Every structure is written in C-alpha cells, then in structure tokens.
C-alpha cells in the first residue's frame, strides 16, 4: 500500500507487517506517520515531560 507521511510528507510503501497497516485499511481517511517521525515525536514528548513510556501504568487509563 502506498502512503504519505502526515508530518514529513514523504511517500512510503507499507506491507501488512507495518503496525499501522490495519488501521489504514479500515479507515482510508486515516493518517500515516512514518517510523522516523514517530520516534522523533516520542523523543520530544519524553524530553518535554520527563516521562518514559515504561513509567506509565498501562492499566491506569482504565481507572480514570
């Protein structure tokens, strides 16, 4: 499947093995974010909040 990254605007070819493939098949209007942009956004979020994803309780969202 040919996709366009929402942030860097580059074109990519993804296969069924890509984690976002199913989301995009189910929702053709969905946005794709390439691995490079995704990692960059995660690093920026970690730097600005000081939190690492491993520090967040996965079940906490169900308690709120």
PDB file of N, CA and C in Angstrom:
ATOM      1  N   UNK A   1       0.853  -1.170   0.000  1.00  0.00           N
ATOM      2  CA  UNK A   1       0.000   0.000   0.000  1.00  0.00           C
ATOM      3  C   UNK A   1       0.900   1.235   0.000  1.00  0.00           C
ATOM      4  N   UNK A   2       0.579   2.175  -0.832  1.00  0.00           N
ATOM      5  CA  UNK A   2       1.322   3.434  -0.896  1.00  0.00           C
ATOM      6  C   UNK A   2       0.677   4.436   0.066  1.00  0.00           C
ATOM      7  N   UNK A   3       1.501   5.055   0.914  1.00  0.00           N
ATOM      8  CA  UNK A   3       1.005   6.015   1.902  1.00  0.00           C
ATOM      9  C   UNK A   3       1.884   7.259   1.899  1.00  0.00           C
ATOM     10  N   UNK A   4       1.392   8.298   2.540  1.00  0.00           N
ATOM     11  CA  UNK A   4       2.046   9.603   2.605  1.00  0.00           C
ATOM     12  C   UNK A   4       2.158   9.975   4.083  1.00  0.00           C
ATOM     13  N   UNK A   5       3.375  10.237   4.587  1.00  0.00           N
ATOM     14  CA  UNK A   5       3.559  10.586   5.995  1.00  0.00           C
ATOM     15  C   UNK A   5       2.910  11.938   6.286  1.00  0.00           C
ATOM     16  N   UNK A   6       2.154  11.996   7.361  1.00  0.00           N
ATOM     17  CA  UNK A   6       1.434  13.197   7.759  1.00  0.00           C
ATOM     18  C   UNK A   6       2.391  14.345   8.087  1.00  0.00           C
ATOM     19  N   UNK A   7       3.575  14.032   8.631  1.00  0.00           N
ATOM     20  CA  UNK A   7       4.493  15.073   9.088  1.00  0.00           C
ATOM     21  C   UNK A   7       5.576  15.437   8.074  1.00  0.00           C
ATOM     22  N   UNK A   8       6.323  14.457   7.588  1.00  0.00           N
ATOM     23  CA  UNK A   8       7.443  14.783   6.690  1.00  0.00           C
ATOM     24  C   UNK A   8       7.026  14.830   5.220  1.00  0.00           C
ATOM     25  N   UNK A   9       5.809  14.403   4.926  1.00  0.00           N
ATOM     26  CA  UNK A   9       5.227  14.466   3.568  1.00  0.00           C
ATOM     27  C   UNK A   9       5.918  13.554   2.552  1.00  0.00           C
ATOM     28  N   UNK A  10       6.712  12.587   3.019  1.00  0.00           N
ATOM     29  CA  UNK A  10       7.361  11.645   2.108  1.00  0.00           C
ATOM     30  C   UNK A  10       6.413  10.490   1.806  1.00  0.00           C
ATOM     31  N   UNK A  11       6.619   9.862   0.655  1.00  0.00           N
ATOM     32  CA  UNK A  11       5.815   8.712   0.261  1.00  0.00           C
ATOM     33  C   UNK A  11       6.499   7.428   0.709  1.00  0.00           C
ATOM     34  N   UNK A  12       5.692   6.466   1.182  1.00  0.00           N
ATOM     35  CA  UNK A  12       6.202   5.186   1.650  1.00  0.00           C
ATOM     36  C   UNK A  12       5.337   4.068   1.100  1.00  0.00           C
ATOM     37  N   UNK A  13       5.935   2.910   0.990  1.00  0.00           N
ATOM     38  CA  UNK A  13       5.214   1.710   0.613  1.00  0.00           C
ATOM     39  C   UNK A  13       5.219   0.804   1.837  1.00  0.00           C
ATOM     40  N   UNK A  14       4.036   0.492   2.378  1.00  0.00           N
ATOM     41  CA  UNK A  14       3.967  -0.345   3.569  1.00  0.00           C
ATOM     42  C   UNK A  14       3.316  -1.679   3.224  1.00  0.00           C
ATOM     43  N   UNK A  15       3.625  -2.683   4.032  1.00  0.00           N
ATOM     44  CA  UNK A  15       3.060  -4.019   3.855  1.00  0.00           C
ATOM     45  C   UNK A  15       2.195  -4.355   5.062  1.00  0.00           C
ATOM     46  N   UNK A  16       1.619  -5.528   5.034  1.00  0.00           N
ATOM     47  CA  UNK A  16       0.764  -5.971   6.145  1.00  0.00           C
ATOM     48  C   UNK A  16       1.522  -6.055   7.464  1.00  0.00           C
ATOM     49  N   UNK A  17       2.831  -6.143   7.414  1.00  0.00           N
ATOM     50  CA  UNK A  17       3.620  -6.254   8.642  1.00  0.00           C
ATOM     51  C   UNK A  17       3.759  -4.915   9.375  1.00  0.00           C
ATOM     52  N   UNK A  18       3.438  -3.814   8.720  1.00  0.00           N
ATOM     53  CA  UNK A  18       3.521  -2.497   9.353  1.00  0.00           C
ATOM     54  C   UNK A  18       2.404  -2.369  10.385  1.00  0.00           C
ATOM     55  N   UNK A  19       2.720  -1.900  11.608  1.00  0.00           N
ATOM     56  CA  UNK A  19       1.700  -1.775  12.660  1.00  0.00           C
ATOM     57  C   UNK A  19       0.505  -0.891  12.277  1.00  0.00           C
ATOM     58  N   UNK A  20       0.687   0.048  11.372  1.00  0.00           N
ATOM     59  CA  UNK A  20      -0.398   0.960  11.004  1.00  0.00           C
ATOM     60  C   UNK A  20      -1.225   0.467   9.816  1.00  0.00           C
ATOM     61  N   UNK A  21      -0.819  -0.647   9.217  1.00  0.00           N
ATOM     62  CA  UNK A  21      -1.476  -1.143   8.001  1.00  0.00           C
ATOM     63  C   UNK A  21      -2.971  -1.396   8.223  1.00  0.00           C
ATOM     64  N   UNK A  22      -3.313  -2.141   9.262  1.00  0.00           N
ATOM     65  CA  UNK A  22      -4.724  -2.486   9.511  1.00  0.00           C
ATOM     66  C   UNK A  22      -5.545  -1.231   9.767  1.00  0.00           C
ATOM     67  N   UNK A  23      -4.986  -0.290  10.535  1.00  0.00           N
ATOM     68  CA  UNK A  23      -5.693   0.965  10.811  1.00  0.00           C
ATOM     69  C   UNK A  23      -6.019   1.693   9.511  1.00  0.00           C
ATOM     70  N   UNK A  24      -5.071   1.708   8.595  1.00  0.00           N
ATOM     71  CA  UNK A  24      -5.266   2.426   7.336  1.00  0.00           C
ATOM     72  C   UNK A  24      -6.216   1.694   6.396  1.00  0.00           C
ATOM     73  N   UNK A  25      -6.222   0.370   6.440  1.00  0.00           N
ATOM     74  CA  UNK A  25      -7.156  -0.398   5.609  1.00  0.00           C
ATOM     75  C   UNK A  25      -8.583  -0.167   6.094  1.00  0.00           C
ATOM     76  N   UNK A  26      -8.772  -0.142   7.409  1.00  0.00           N
ATOM     77  CA  UNK A  26     -10.109   0.046   7.975  1.00  0.00           C
ATOM     78  C   UNK A  26     -10.597   1.476   7.830  1.00  0.00           C
ATOM     79  N   UNK A  27      -9.681   2.428   7.851  1.00  0.00           N
ATOM     80  CA  UNK A  27     -10.049   3.838   7.767  1.00  0.00           C
ATOM     81  C   UNK A  27      -9.206   4.495   6.677  1.00  0.00           C
ATOM     82  N   UNK A  28      -9.698   4.498   5.466  1.00  0.00           N
ATOM     83  CA  UNK A  28      -8.940   5.034   4.325  1.00  0.00           C
ATOM     84  C   UNK A  28      -8.588   6.509   4.500  1.00  0.00           C
ATOM     85  N   UNK A  29      -9.310   7.240   5.323  1.00  0.00           N
ATOM     86  CA  UNK A  29      -9.019   8.649   5.556  1.00  0.00           C
ATOM     87  C   UNK A  29      -8.017   8.858   6.676  1.00  0.00           C
ATOM     88  N   UNK A  30      -7.523   7.759   7.260  1.00  0.00           N
ATOM     89  CA  UNK A  30      -6.586   7.850   8.370  1.00  0.00           C
ATOM     90  C   UNK A  30      -5.235   8.382   7.938  1.00  0.00           C
ATOM     91  N   UNK A  31      -4.490   8.875   8.888  1.00  0.00           N
ATOM     92  CA  UNK A  31      -3.173   9.452   8.609  1.00  0.00           C
ATOM     93  C   UNK A  31      -2.074   8.461   8.962  1.00  0.00           C
ATOM     94  N   UNK A  32      -1.044   8.435   8.144  1.00  0.00           N
ATOM     95  CA  UNK A  32       0.123   7.586   8.372  1.00  0.00           C
ATOM     96  C   UNK A  32       1.251   8.445   8.920  1.00  0.00           C
ATOM     97  N   UNK A  33       1.976   7.917   9.917  1.00  0.00           N
ATOM     98  CA  UNK A  33       3.159   8.582  10.458  1.00  0.00           C
ATOM     99  C   UNK A  33       4.317   7.599  10.314  1.00  0.00           C
ATOM    100  N   UNK A  34       5.353   7.995   9.595  1.00  0.00           N
ATOM    101  CA  UNK A  34       6.490   7.097   9.351  1.00  0.00           C
ATOM    102  C   UNK A  34       7.248   6.832  10.656  1.00  0.00           C
ATOM    103  N   UNK A  35       8.070   5.799  10.642  1.00  0.00           N
ATOM    104  CA  UNK A  35       8.811   5.403  11.840  1.00  0.00           C
ATOM    105  C   UNK A  35       9.739   6.508  12.326  1.00  0.00           C
ATOM    106  N   UNK A  36      10.378   7.196  11.404  1.00  0.00           N
ATOM    107  CA  UNK A  36      11.303   8.269  11.771  1.00  0.00           C
ATOM    108  C   UNK A  36      10.574   9.404  12.496  1.00  0.00           C
ATOM    109  N   UNK A  37       9.455   9.842  11.948  1.00  0.00           N
ATOM    110  CA  UNK A  37       8.676  10.920  12.578  1.00  0.00           C
ATOM    111  C   UNK A  37       8.081  10.449  13.902  1.00  0.00           C
ATOM    112  N   UNK A  38       7.637   9.205  13.958  1.00  0.00           N
ATOM    113  CA  UNK A  38       7.057   8.646  15.176  1.00  0.00           C
ATOM    114  C   UNK A  38       8.098   8.640  16.297  1.00  0.00           C
ATOM    115  N   UNK A  39       9.304   8.167  16.006  1.00  0.00           N
ATOM    116  CA  UNK A  39      10.366   8.133  17.011  1.00  0.00           C
ATOM    117  C   UNK A  39      10.768   9.538  17.438  1.00  0.00           C
ATOM    118  N   UNK A  40      10.806  10.464  16.503  1.00  0.00           N
ATOM    119  CA  UNK A  40      11.146  11.845  16.819  1.00  0.00           C
ATOM    120  C   UNK A  40      10.111  12.459  17.761  1.00  0.00           C
ATOM    121  N   UNK A  41       8.839  12.201  17.485  1.00  0.00           N
ATOM    122  CA  UNK A  41       7.769  12.721  18.344  1.00  0.00           C
ATOM    123  C   UNK A  41       7.844  12.099  19.735  1.00  0.00           C
ATOM    124  N   UNK A  42       8.162  10.808  19.817  1.00  0.00           N
ATOM    125  CA  UNK A  42       8.286  10.154  21.116  1.00  0.00           C
ATOM    126  C   UNK A  42       9.439  10.748  21.922  1.00  0.00           C
ATOM    127  N   UNK A  43      10.577  10.978  21.270  1.00  0.00           N
ATOM    128  CA  UNK A  43      11.725  11.583  21.963  1.00  0.00           C
ATOM    129  C   UNK A  43      11.385  12.987  22.459  1.00  0.00           C
ATOM    130  N   UNK A  44      10.706  13.775  21.632  1.00  0.00           N
ATOM    131  CA  UNK A  44      10.315  15.131  22.032  1.00  0.00           C
ATOM    132  C   UNK A  44       9.364  15.092  23.225  1.00  0.00           C
ATOM    133  N   UNK A  45       8.412  14.168  23.201  1.00  0.00           N
ATOM    134  CA  UNK A  45       7.453  14.051  24.301  1.00  0.00           C
ATOM    135  C   UNK A  45       8.159  13.619  25.580  1.00  0.00           C
ATOM    136  N   UNK A  46       9.093  12.683  25.467  1.00  0.00           N
ATOM    137  CA  UNK A  46       9.834  12.230  26.641  1.00  0.00           C
ATOM    138  C   UNK A  46      10.694  13.353  27.209  1.00  0.00           C
ATOM    139  N   UNK A  47      11.307  14.136  26.334  1.00  0.00           N
ATOM    140  CA  UNK A  47      12.157  15.240  26.787  1.00  0.00           C
ATOM    141  C   UNK A  47      11.337  16.333  27.459  1.00  0.00           C
ATOM    142  N   UNK A  48      10.166  16.627  26.925  1.00  0.00           N
ATOM    143  CA  UNK A  48       9.367  17.720  27.483  1.00  0.00           C
ATOM    144  C   UNK A  48       8.642  17.322  28.766  1.00  0.00           C
ATOM    145  N   UNK A  49       8.287  16.036  28.920  1.00  0.00           N
ATOM    146  CA  UNK A  49       7.564  15.608  30.115  1.00  0.00           C
ATOM    147  C   UNK A  49       8.462  14.956  31.146  1.00  0.00           C
ATOM    148  N   UNK A  50       9.594  14.426  30.695  1.00  0.00           N
ATOM    149  CA  UNK A  50      10.474  13.708  31.606  1.00  0.00           C
ATOM    150  C   UNK A  50       9.995  12.297  31.886  1.00  0.00           C
ATOM    151  N   UNK A  51       8.939  11.869  31.210  1.00  0.00           N
ATOM    152  CA  UNK A  51       8.392  10.529  31.412  1.00  0.00           C
ATOM    153  C   UNK A  51       8.842   9.593  30.310  1.00  0.00           C
ATOM    154  N   UNK A  52       9.071   8.353  30.697  1.00  0.00           N
ATOM    155  CA  UNK A  52       9.379   7.298  29.732  1.00  0.00           C
ATOM    156  C   UNK A  52       8.149   6.390  29.678  1.00  0.00           C
ATOM    157  N   UNK A  53       7.798   5.851  28.513  1.00  0.00           N
ATOM    158  CA  UNK A  53       6.600   5.007  28.416  1.00  0.00           C
ATOM    159  C   UNK A  53       6.571   3.860  29.422  1.00  0.00           C
ATOM    160  N   UNK A  54       7.724   3.338  29.809  1.00  0.00           N
ATOM    161  CA  UNK A  54       7.760   2.248  30.786  1.00  0.00           C
ATOM    162  C   UNK A  54       7.340   2.714  32.178  1.00  0.00           C
ATOM    163  N   UNK A  55       7.363   4.014  32.432  1.00  0.00           N
ATOM    164  CA  UNK A  55       6.986   4.550  33.735  1.00  0.00           C
ATOM    165  C   UNK A  55       5.480   4.721  33.881  1.00  0.00           C
ATOM    166  N   UNK A  56       4.750   4.578  32.789  1.00  0.00           N
ATOM    167  CA  UNK A  56       3.308   4.792  32.807  1.00  0.00           C
ATOM    168  C   UNK A  56       2.615   3.450  32.967  1.00  0.00           C
ATOM    169  N   UNK A  57       1.721   3.363  33.938  1.00  0.00           N
ATOM    170  CA  UNK A  57       0.980   2.128  34.184  1.00  0.00           C
ATOM    171  C   UNK A  57      -0.018   1.912  33.056  1.00  0.00           C
ATOM    172  N   UNK A  58       0.090   0.796  32.386  1.00  0.00           N
ATOM    173  CA  UNK A  58      -0.780   0.503  31.237  1.00  0.00           C
ATOM    174  C   UNK A  58      -2.248   0.412  31.639  1.00  0.00           C
ATOM    175  N   UNK A  59      -2.528   0.056  32.888  1.00  0.00           N
ATOM    176  CA  UNK A  59      -3.912  -0.109  33.328  1.00  0.00           C
ATOM    177  C   UNK A  59      -4.486   1.150  33.966  1.00  0.00           C
ATOM    178  N   UNK A  60      -3.667   2.162  34.169  1.00  0.00           N
ATOM    179  CA  UNK A  60      -4.108   3.408  34.786  1.00  0.00           C
ATOM    180  C   UNK A  60      -5.226   4.071  33.992  1.00  0.00           C
ATOM    181  N   UNK A  61      -5.189   3.965  32.679  1.00  0.00           N
ATOM    182  CA  UNK A  61      -6.203   4.610  31.851  1.00  0.00           C
ATOM    183  C   UNK A  61      -7.591   4.025  32.082  1.00  0.00           C
ATOM    184  N   UNK A  62      -7.665   2.783  32.553  1.00  0.00           N
ATOM    185  CA  UNK A  62      -8.964   2.161  32.794  1.00  0.00           C
ATOM    186  C   UNK A  62      -9.563   2.596  34.127  1.00  0.00           C
ATOM    187  N   UNK A  63      -8.743   3.129  35.017  1.00  0.00           N
ATOM    188  CA  UNK A  63      -9.215   3.526  36.337  1.00  0.00           C
ATOM    189  C   UNK A  63      -9.770   4.936  36.366  1.00  0.00           C
ATOM    190  N   UNK A  64      -9.503   5.715  35.333  1.00  0.00           N
ATOM    191  CA  UNK A  64      -9.946   7.107  35.323  1.00  0.00           C
ATOM    192  C   UNK A  64     -11.272   7.265  34.648  1.00  0.00           C
TER     193      UNK A  64
END
